[in-house]
């Protein structure tokens, strides 16, 4: 089982630790649901499916966290750029960073924990 990594052009962020289990792969359909003044239920499907990948890290070394902060600030620039995420099974997907702000907590000396939210775009 591989550790997660991010790739954008020549830039690569390889984590030295795996993600925290359990993992999730939520799906959301964009739909508008509301009632009229007469009480009739109205629904409209906007035809968009949203797939996200929340990734939880615990005890992430400071070097990994510093590299993640640099990636967030200068490579993907928040959600500005699409990049490739390779999961623990080496499956790849095109994603954007939906985490904002990036704010992991320091859990012990030079160790960090937190969650990233990636949205699958391709």
Protein backbone atom coordinates (compact mmCIF):
# COMPACT_ATOMS: atom_id res chain seq x y z
CA UNK A 1 0.00 0.00 0.00
CA UNK A 2 1.46 3.34 -1.08
CA UNK A 3 1.40 6.67 0.69
CA UNK A 4 -0.72 9.38 -0.94
CA UNK A 5 0.92 11.85 -3.29
CA UNK A 6 0.02 14.92 -5.31
CA UNK A 7 1.45 15.72 -8.75
CA UNK A 8 1.17 18.91 -10.81
CA UNK A 9 3.53 19.19 -13.75
CA UNK A 10 7.08 18.76 -12.41
CA UNK A 11 5.97 19.37 -8.80
CA UNK A 12 5.30 16.36 -6.60
CA UNK A 13 4.32 16.07 -2.95
CA UNK A 14 4.93 12.57 -1.55
CA UNK A 15 3.72 12.03 2.01
CA UNK A 16 5.86 9.86 4.27
CA UNK A 17 2.79 8.61 6.16
CA UNK A 18 -0.42 6.97 5.06
CA UNK A 19 -3.86 8.41 5.56
CA UNK A 20 -6.02 7.65 8.58
CA UNK A 21 -8.76 5.06 8.17
CA UNK A 22 -11.69 4.78 7.69
CA UNK A 23 -11.74 6.57 4.33
CA UNK A 24 -14.75 8.01 2.54
CA UNK A 25 -15.77 8.77 -1.03
CA UNK A 26 -18.95 10.88 -0.75
CA UNK A 27 -21.14 11.72 -3.74
CA UNK A 28 -23.56 14.63 -3.89
CA UNK A 29 -26.15 15.55 -6.53
CA UNK A 30 -26.89 19.22 -6.93
CA UNK A 31 -30.63 19.55 -6.66
CA UNK A 32 -32.96 22.33 -5.59
CA UNK A 33 -35.87 21.25 -3.39
CA UNK A 34 -38.40 23.75 -2.03
CA UNK A 35 -42.11 24.24 -1.39
CA UNK A 36 -44.42 26.72 -3.07
CA UNK A 37 -46.72 28.99 -1.05
CA UNK A 38 -49.47 26.43 -1.78
CA UNK A 39 -47.42 23.63 -0.22
CA UNK A 40 -46.47 21.83 -3.42
CA UNK A 41 -43.01 20.28 -3.38
CA UNK A 42 -40.86 21.44 -6.29
CA UNK A 43 -37.65 19.70 -7.33
CA UNK A 44 -35.09 20.54 -9.94
CA UNK A 45 -32.08 18.41 -10.76
CA UNK A 46 -29.16 20.58 -11.84
CA UNK A 47 -27.48 17.56 -13.42
CA UNK A 48 -24.23 17.88 -11.51
CA UNK A 49 -22.62 15.16 -9.42
CA UNK A 50 -19.99 16.22 -6.90
CA UNK A 51 -17.44 13.64 -5.76
CA UNK A 52 -15.09 14.47 -2.92
CA UNK A 53 -12.25 12.71 -1.15
CA UNK A 54 -11.73 13.71 2.48
CA UNK A 55 -8.23 12.66 3.59
CA UNK A 56 -7.39 12.54 7.29
CA UNK A 57 -3.84 12.61 8.59
CA UNK A 58 -2.67 11.92 12.15
CA UNK A 59 0.90 12.29 13.39
CA UNK A 60 2.03 13.87 10.12
CA UNK A 61 5.72 14.82 10.51
CA UNK A 62 6.56 18.53 10.45
CA UNK A 63 8.52 18.10 7.20
CA UNK A 64 5.41 16.65 5.50
CA UNK A 65 3.20 19.41 6.90
CA UNK A 66 5.65 22.12 5.79
CA UNK A 67 5.70 20.56 2.30
CA UNK A 68 1.87 20.49 2.28
CA UNK A 69 1.72 24.18 3.26
CA UNK A 70 4.18 25.03 0.47
CA UNK A 71 2.11 22.95 -2.00
CA UNK A 72 -1.07 24.74 -0.90
CA UNK A 73 0.51 28.22 -1.13
CA UNK A 74 2.65 27.96 -4.26
CA UNK A 75 1.73 24.93 -6.37
CA UNK A 76 -2.02 24.33 -6.31
CA UNK A 77 -2.60 27.85 -4.89
CA UNK A 78 -5.63 26.79 -2.87
CA UNK A 79 -8.26 25.55 -5.33
CA UNK A 80 -6.85 27.44 -8.33
CA UNK A 81 -5.06 24.53 -10.07
CA UNK A 82 -6.15 20.99 -10.88
CA UNK A 83 -3.63 18.32 -9.86
CA UNK A 84 -3.40 14.54 -9.79
CA UNK A 85 -4.02 12.72 -6.53
CA UNK A 86 -2.69 9.18 -6.17
CA UNK A 87 -4.45 7.36 -3.35
CA UNK A 88 -3.17 4.51 -1.17
CA UNK A 89 -3.93 2.01 -3.97
CA UNK A 90 -2.09 4.17 -6.55
CA UNK A 91 -5.40 4.99 -8.26
CA UNK A 92 -5.17 8.46 -9.79
CA UNK A 93 -7.80 11.15 -10.08
CA UNK A 94 -7.84 14.80 -11.14
CA UNK A 95 -8.75 16.97 -8.16
CA UNK A 96 -8.79 20.47 -6.74
CA UNK A 97 -8.07 21.37 -3.13
CA UNK A 98 -11.31 22.34 -1.40
CA UNK A 99 -9.72 22.77 2.03
CA UNK A 100 -9.75 26.43 3.01
CA UNK A 101 -8.25 27.42 5.33
CA UNK A 102 -5.47 24.86 5.58
CA UNK A 103 -5.22 24.57 9.36
CA UNK A 104 -3.85 21.33 10.78
CA UNK A 105 -3.43 21.16 14.54
CA UNK A 106 -0.10 20.40 16.15
CA UNK A 107 -0.85 17.18 18.04
CA UNK A 108 2.58 16.65 19.63
CA UNK A 109 6.14 17.85 19.13
CA UNK A 110 6.62 18.33 15.37
CA UNK A 111 3.54 16.22 14.56
CA UNK A 112 0.35 17.48 12.93
CA UNK A 113 -3.15 16.20 12.30
CA UNK A 114 -6.01 17.39 10.15
CA UNK A 115 -8.21 16.77 7.15
CA UNK A 116 -7.91 17.74 3.51
CA UNK A 117 -10.94 17.90 1.27
CA UNK A 118 -10.29 17.18 -2.40
CA UNK A 119 -12.96 17.47 -5.09
CA UNK A 120 -12.72 15.14 -8.08
CA UNK A 121 -12.99 17.19 -11.28
CA UNK A 122 -12.07 14.75 -14.01
